[in-house]
């Protein structure tokens, strides 16, 4: 996944990637995330912007 793609998803209103699919969270994002299991595999788009390019490249392979 490329940084530009993440920025586009954020611009389009998405908050997370859940099971490989971008999703919009209604309400408080952090409350939603707290309600999930630790192994849910959710990726927060704003957090992905802080990842290295090498780390982002791994997302495509998952």
PDB file of N, CA and C in Angstrom:
ATOM      1  N   UNK A   1       0.855  -1.167   0.000  1.00  0.00           N
ATOM      2  CA  UNK A   1       0.000   0.000   0.000  1.00  0.00           C
ATOM      3  C   UNK A   1       0.903   1.233   0.000  1.00  0.00           C
ATOM      4  N   UNK A   2       0.530   2.207  -0.774  1.00  0.00           N
ATOM      5  CA  UNK A   2       1.331   3.423  -0.873  1.00  0.00           C
ATOM      6  C   UNK A   2       0.723   4.535  -0.037  1.00  0.00           C
ATOM      7  N   UNK A   3       1.588   5.410   0.427  1.00  0.00           N
ATOM      8  CA  UNK A   3       1.190   6.536   1.270  1.00  0.00           C
ATOM      9  C   UNK A   3       0.109   7.388   0.592  1.00  0.00           C
ATOM     10  N   UNK A   4       0.226   7.579  -0.717  1.00  0.00           N
ATOM     11  CA  UNK A   4      -0.758   8.375  -1.450  1.00  0.00           C
ATOM     12  C   UNK A   4      -2.136   7.724  -1.411  1.00  0.00           C
ATOM     13  N   UNK A   5      -2.167   6.402  -1.474  1.00  0.00           N
ATOM     14  CA  UNK A   5      -3.429   5.675  -1.408  1.00  0.00           C
ATOM     15  C   UNK A   5      -4.078   5.849  -0.029  1.00  0.00           C
ATOM     16  N   UNK A   6      -3.268   5.798   1.006  1.00  0.00           N
ATOM     17  CA  UNK A   6      -3.780   6.005   2.364  1.00  0.00           C
ATOM     18  C   UNK A   6      -4.342   7.409   2.509  1.00  0.00           C
ATOM     19  N   UNK A   7      -3.624   8.402   2.017  1.00  0.00           N
ATOM     20  CA  UNK A   7      -4.099   9.783   2.093  1.00  0.00           C
ATOM     21  C   UNK A   7      -5.407   9.966   1.325  1.00  0.00           C
ATOM     22  N   UNK A   8      -5.545   9.287   0.194  1.00  0.00           N
ATOM     23  CA  UNK A   8      -6.780   9.369  -0.582  1.00  0.00           C
ATOM     24  C   UNK A   8      -7.943   8.759   0.188  1.00  0.00           C
ATOM     25  N   UNK A   9      -7.696   7.618   0.823  1.00  0.00           N
ATOM     26  CA  UNK A   9      -8.752   6.973   1.619  1.00  0.00           C
ATOM     27  C   UNK A   9      -9.199   7.875   2.770  1.00  0.00           C
ATOM     28  N   UNK A  10      -8.239   8.505   3.443  1.00  0.00           N
ATOM     29  CA  UNK A  10      -8.575   9.426   4.531  1.00  0.00           C
ATOM     30  C   UNK A  10      -9.373  10.595   3.980  1.00  0.00           C
ATOM     31  N   UNK A  11      -8.930  11.143   2.866  1.00  0.00           N
ATOM     32  CA  UNK A  11      -9.639  12.266   2.234  1.00  0.00           C
ATOM     33  C   UNK A  11     -11.071  11.870   1.858  1.00  0.00           C
ATOM     34  N   UNK A  12     -11.256  10.620   1.453  1.00  0.00           N
ATOM     35  CA  UNK A  12     -12.578  10.122   1.072  1.00  0.00           C
ATOM     36  C   UNK A  12     -13.452   9.778   2.274  1.00  0.00           C
ATOM     37  N   UNK A  13     -12.923   9.938   3.484  1.00  0.00           N
ATOM     38  CA  UNK A  13     -13.721   9.762   4.700  1.00  0.00           C
ATOM     39  C   UNK A  13     -13.572   8.442   5.420  1.00  0.00           C
ATOM     40  N   UNK A  14     -12.670   7.584   4.952  1.00  0.00           N
ATOM     41  CA  UNK A  14     -12.462   6.296   5.612  1.00  0.00           C
ATOM     42  C   UNK A  14     -11.571   6.477   6.835  1.00  0.00           C
ATOM     43  N   UNK A  15     -11.749   5.580   7.823  1.00  0.00           N
ATOM     44  CA  UNK A  15     -10.984   5.654   9.064  1.00  0.00           C
ATOM     45  C   UNK A  15     -10.067   4.462   9.286  1.00  0.00           C
ATOM     46  N   UNK A  16     -10.529   3.290   8.867  1.00  0.00           N
ATOM     47  CA  UNK A  16      -9.780   2.062   9.139  1.00  0.00           C
ATOM     48  C   UNK A  16      -9.818   1.144   7.919  1.00  0.00           C
ATOM     49  N   UNK A  17      -8.977   0.123   7.994  1.00  0.00           N
ATOM     50  CA  UNK A  17      -9.056  -0.999   7.061  1.00  0.00           C
ATOM     51  C   UNK A  17      -9.398  -2.210   7.917  1.00  0.00           C
ATOM     52  N   UNK A  18     -10.537  -2.822   7.631  1.00  0.00           N
ATOM     53  CA  UNK A  18     -11.030  -3.964   8.381  1.00  0.00           C
ATOM     54  C   UNK A  18     -11.158  -5.138   7.421  1.00  0.00           C
ATOM     55  N   UNK A  19     -10.410  -6.181   7.676  1.00  0.00           N
ATOM     56  CA  UNK A  19     -10.393  -7.370   6.803  1.00  0.00           C
ATOM     57  C   UNK A  19     -10.070  -6.994   5.361  1.00  0.00           C
ATOM     58  N   UNK A  20      -9.160  -6.051   5.192  1.00  0.00           N
ATOM     59  CA  UNK A  20      -8.719  -5.655   3.862  1.00  0.00           C
ATOM     60  C   UNK A  20      -9.617  -4.660   3.156  1.00  0.00           C
ATOM     61  N   UNK A  21     -10.681  -4.209   3.825  1.00  0.00           N
ATOM     62  CA  UNK A  21     -11.649  -3.315   3.202  1.00  0.00           C
ATOM     63  C   UNK A  21     -11.693  -1.993   3.978  1.00  0.00           C
ATOM     64  N   UNK A  22     -11.559  -0.859   3.287  1.00  0.00           N
ATOM     65  CA  UNK A  22     -11.673   0.433   3.972  1.00  0.00           C
ATOM     66  C   UNK A  22     -13.071   0.589   4.567  1.00  0.00           C
ATOM     67  N   UNK A  23     -13.133   1.180   5.764  1.00  0.00           N
ATOM     68  CA  UNK A  23     -14.423   1.335   6.444  1.00  0.00           C
ATOM     69  C   UNK A  23     -14.500   2.693   7.125  1.00  0.00           C
ATOM     70  N   UNK A  24     -15.726   3.200   7.199  1.00  0.00           N
ATOM     71  CA  UNK A  24     -16.026   4.437   7.912  1.00  0.00           C
ATOM     72  C   UNK A  24     -16.611   4.042   9.261  1.00  0.00           C
ATOM     73  N   UNK A  25     -16.149   4.679  10.319  1.00  0.00           N
ATOM     74  CA  UNK A  25     -16.666   4.403  11.654  1.00  0.00           C
ATOM     75  C   UNK A  25     -17.555   5.558  12.074  1.00  0.00           C
ATOM     76  N   UNK A  26     -18.801   5.241  12.374  1.00  0.00           N
ATOM     77  CA  UNK A  26     -19.725   6.238  12.891  1.00  0.00           C
ATOM     78  C   UNK A  26     -19.498   6.333  14.395  1.00  0.00           C
ATOM     79  N   UNK A  27     -19.463   7.540  14.929  1.00  0.00           N
ATOM     80  CA  UNK A  27     -19.233   7.713  16.356  1.00  0.00           C
ATOM     81  C   UNK A  27     -17.750   7.833  16.647  1.00  0.00           C
ATOM     82  N   UNK A  28     -17.385   7.508  17.868  1.00  0.00           N
ATOM     83  CA  UNK A  28     -16.005   7.671  18.331  1.00  0.00           C
ATOM     84  C   UNK A  28     -15.126   6.522  17.851  1.00  0.00           C
ATOM     85  N   UNK A  29     -14.124   6.848  17.074  1.00  0.00           N
ATOM     86  CA  UNK A  29     -13.214   5.840  16.517  1.00  0.00           C
ATOM     87  C   UNK A  29     -12.516   5.055  17.619  1.00  0.00           C
ATOM     88  N   UNK A  30     -12.031   5.741  18.639  1.00  0.00           N
ATOM     89  CA  UNK A  30     -11.240   5.077  19.683  1.00  0.00           C
ATOM     90  C   UNK A  30     -12.108   4.170  20.544  1.00  0.00           C
ATOM     91  N   UNK A  31     -13.363   4.528  20.786  1.00  0.00           N
ATOM     92  CA  UNK A  31     -14.271   3.628  21.497  1.00  0.00           C
ATOM     93  C   UNK A  31     -14.509   2.370  20.678  1.00  0.00           C
ATOM     94  N   UNK A  32     -14.678   2.539  19.372  1.00  0.00           N
ATOM     95  CA  UNK A  32     -14.864   1.396  18.485  1.00  0.00           C
ATOM     96  C   UNK A  32     -13.649   0.477  18.553  1.00  0.00           C
ATOM     97  N   UNK A  33     -12.468   1.051  18.466  1.00  0.00           N
ATOM     98  CA  UNK A  33     -11.246   0.254  18.492  1.00  0.00           C
ATOM     99  C   UNK A  33     -11.077  -0.455  19.831  1.00  0.00           C
ATOM    100  N   UNK A  34     -11.439   0.217  20.925  1.00  0.00           N
ATOM    101  CA  UNK A  34     -11.350  -0.409  22.245  1.00  0.00           C
ATOM    102  C   UNK A  34     -12.273  -1.612  22.371  1.00  0.00           C
ATOM    103  N   UNK A  35     -13.359  -1.624  21.612  1.00  0.00           N
ATOM    104  CA  UNK A  35     -14.319  -2.724  21.705  1.00  0.00           C
ATOM    105  C   UNK A  35     -13.883  -3.959  20.913  1.00  0.00           C
ATOM    106  N   UNK A  36     -12.847  -3.841  20.110  1.00  0.00           N
ATOM    107  CA  UNK A  36     -12.386  -4.952  19.276  1.00  0.00           C
ATOM    108  C   UNK A  36     -11.398  -5.841  20.020  1.00  0.00           C
ATOM    109  N   UNK A  37     -11.285  -7.076  19.560  1.00  0.00           N
ATOM    110  CA  UNK A  37     -10.256  -7.976  20.070  1.00  0.00           C
ATOM    111  C   UNK A  37      -8.901  -7.473  19.609  1.00  0.00           C
ATOM    112  N   UNK A  38      -7.871  -7.787  20.381  1.00  0.00           N
ATOM    113  CA  UNK A  38      -6.523  -7.352  20.028  1.00  0.00           C
ATOM    114  C   UNK A  38      -6.048  -7.938  18.701  1.00  0.00           C
ATOM    115  N   UNK A  39      -6.561  -9.083  18.326  1.00  0.00           N
ATOM    116  CA  UNK A  39      -6.116  -9.743  17.102  1.00  0.00           C
ATOM    117  C   UNK A  39      -7.092  -9.547  15.945  1.00  0.00           C
ATOM    118  N   UNK A  40      -7.843  -8.451  15.959  1.00  0.00           N
ATOM    119  CA  UNK A  40      -8.859  -8.210  14.930  1.00  0.00           C
ATOM    120  C   UNK A  40      -8.259  -7.838  13.574  1.00  0.00           C
ATOM    121  N   UNK A  41      -7.006  -7.414  13.559  1.00  0.00           N
ATOM    122  CA  UNK A  41      -6.355  -7.082  12.302  1.00  0.00           C
ATOM    123  C   UNK A  41      -6.771  -5.743  11.711  1.00  0.00           C
ATOM    124  N   UNK A  42      -7.377  -4.881  12.515  1.00  0.00           N
ATOM    125  CA  UNK A  42      -7.794  -3.567  12.036  1.00  0.00           C
ATOM    126  C   UNK A  42      -6.574  -2.663  11.918  1.00  0.00           C
ATOM    127  N   UNK A  43      -6.504  -1.937  10.808  1.00  0.00           N
ATOM    128  CA  UNK A  43      -5.441  -0.960  10.604  1.00  0.00           C
ATOM    129  C   UNK A  43      -6.068   0.423  10.586  1.00  0.00           C
ATOM    130  N   UNK A  44      -5.556   1.325  11.416  1.00  0.00           N
ATOM    131  CA  UNK A  44      -6.052   2.694  11.471  1.00  0.00           C
ATOM    132  C   UNK A  44      -5.286   3.509  10.430  1.00  0.00           C
ATOM    133  N   UNK A  45      -6.018   4.099   9.509  1.00  0.00           N
ATOM    134  CA  UNK A  45      -5.381   4.796   8.386  1.00  0.00           C
ATOM    135  C   UNK A  45      -4.446   5.908   8.844  1.00  0.00           C
ATOM    136  N   UNK A  46      -4.856   6.698   9.832  1.00  0.00           N
ATOM    137  CA  UNK A  46      -3.986   7.788  10.290  1.00  0.00           C
ATOM    138  C   UNK A  46      -2.689   7.252  10.883  1.00  0.00           C
ATOM    139  N   UNK A  47      -2.725   6.084  11.509  1.00  0.00           N
ATOM    140  CA  UNK A  47      -1.513   5.464  12.039  1.00  0.00           C
ATOM    141  C   UNK A  47      -0.608   4.967  10.920  1.00  0.00           C
ATOM    142  N   UNK A  48      -1.219   4.492   9.839  1.00  0.00           N
ATOM    143  CA  UNK A  48      -0.412   3.980   8.726  1.00  0.00           C
ATOM    144  C   UNK A  48       0.477   5.058   8.124  1.00  0.00           C
ATOM    145  N   UNK A  49       0.055   6.309   8.225  1.00  0.00           N
ATOM    146  CA  UNK A  49       0.877   7.401   7.674  1.00  0.00           C
ATOM    147  C   UNK A  49       2.214   7.526   8.387  1.00  0.00           C
ATOM    148  N   UNK A  50       2.323   6.976   9.595  1.00  0.00           N
ATOM    149  CA  UNK A  50       3.576   7.054  10.346  1.00  0.00           C
ATOM    150  C   UNK A  50       4.487   5.859  10.064  1.00  0.00           C
ATOM    151  N   UNK A  51       3.990   4.860   9.353  1.00  0.00           N
ATOM    152  CA  UNK A  51       4.773   3.670   9.044  1.00  0.00           C
ATOM    153  C   UNK A  51       5.819   3.975   7.975  1.00  0.00           C
ATOM    154  N   UNK A  52       6.860   3.178   7.964  1.00  0.00           N
ATOM    155  CA  UNK A  52       7.878   3.289   6.919  1.00  0.00           C
ATOM    156  C   UNK A  52       7.312   2.752   5.614  1.00  0.00           C
ATOM    157  N   UNK A  53       7.947   3.104   4.507  1.00  0.00           N
ATOM    158  CA  UNK A  53       7.532   2.590   3.206  1.00  0.00           C
ATOM    159  C   UNK A  53       7.644   1.065   3.160  1.00  0.00           C
ATOM    160  N   UNK A  54       8.656   0.532   3.834  1.00  0.00           N
ATOM    161  CA  UNK A  54       8.837  -0.919   3.868  1.00  0.00           C
ATOM    162  C   UNK A  54       7.687  -1.583   4.621  1.00  0.00           C
ATOM    163  N   UNK A  55       7.253  -0.979   5.711  1.00  0.00           N
ATOM    164  CA  UNK A  55       6.131  -1.508   6.476  1.00  0.00           C
ATOM    165  C   UNK A  55       4.839  -1.458   5.679  1.00  0.00           C
ATOM    166  N   UNK A  56       4.636  -0.375   4.953  1.00  0.00           N
ATOM    167  CA  UNK A  56       3.441  -0.244   4.128  1.00  0.00           C
ATOM    168  C   UNK A  56       3.426  -1.271   2.998  1.00  0.00           C
ATOM    169  N   UNK A  57       4.588  -1.571   2.470  1.00  0.00           N
ATOM    170  CA  UNK A  57       4.671  -2.550   1.383  1.00  0.00           C
ATOM    171  C   UNK A  57       4.219  -3.925   1.836  1.00  0.00           C
ATOM    172  N   UNK A  58       4.385  -4.234   3.100  1.00  0.00           N
ATOM    173  CA  UNK A  58       3.983  -5.531   3.638  1.00  0.00           C
ATOM    174  C   UNK A  58       2.461  -5.695   3.589  1.00  0.00           C
ATOM    175  N   UNK A  59       1.734  -4.596   3.723  1.00  0.00           N
ATOM    176  CA  UNK A  59       0.272  -4.652   3.713  1.00  0.00           C
ATOM    177  C   UNK A  59      -0.226  -5.254   2.411  1.00  0.00           C
ATOM    178  N   UNK A  60       0.401  -4.927   1.308  1.00  0.00           N
ATOM    179  CA  UNK A  60      -0.008  -5.482   0.016  1.00  0.00           C
ATOM    180  C   UNK A  60       0.164  -6.985  -0.043  1.00  0.00           C
ATOM    181  N   UNK A  61       1.120  -7.492   0.717  1.00  0.00           N
ATOM    182  CA  UNK A  61       1.419  -8.927   0.662  1.00  0.00           C
ATOM    183  C   UNK A  61       0.569  -9.731   1.624  1.00  0.00           C
ATOM    184  N   UNK A  62      -0.133  -9.054   2.527  1.00  0.00           N
ATOM    185  CA  UNK A  62      -0.928  -9.770   3.542  1.00  0.00           C
ATOM    186  C   UNK A  62      -2.240 -10.237   2.961  1.00  0.00           C
TER     187      UNK A  62
END
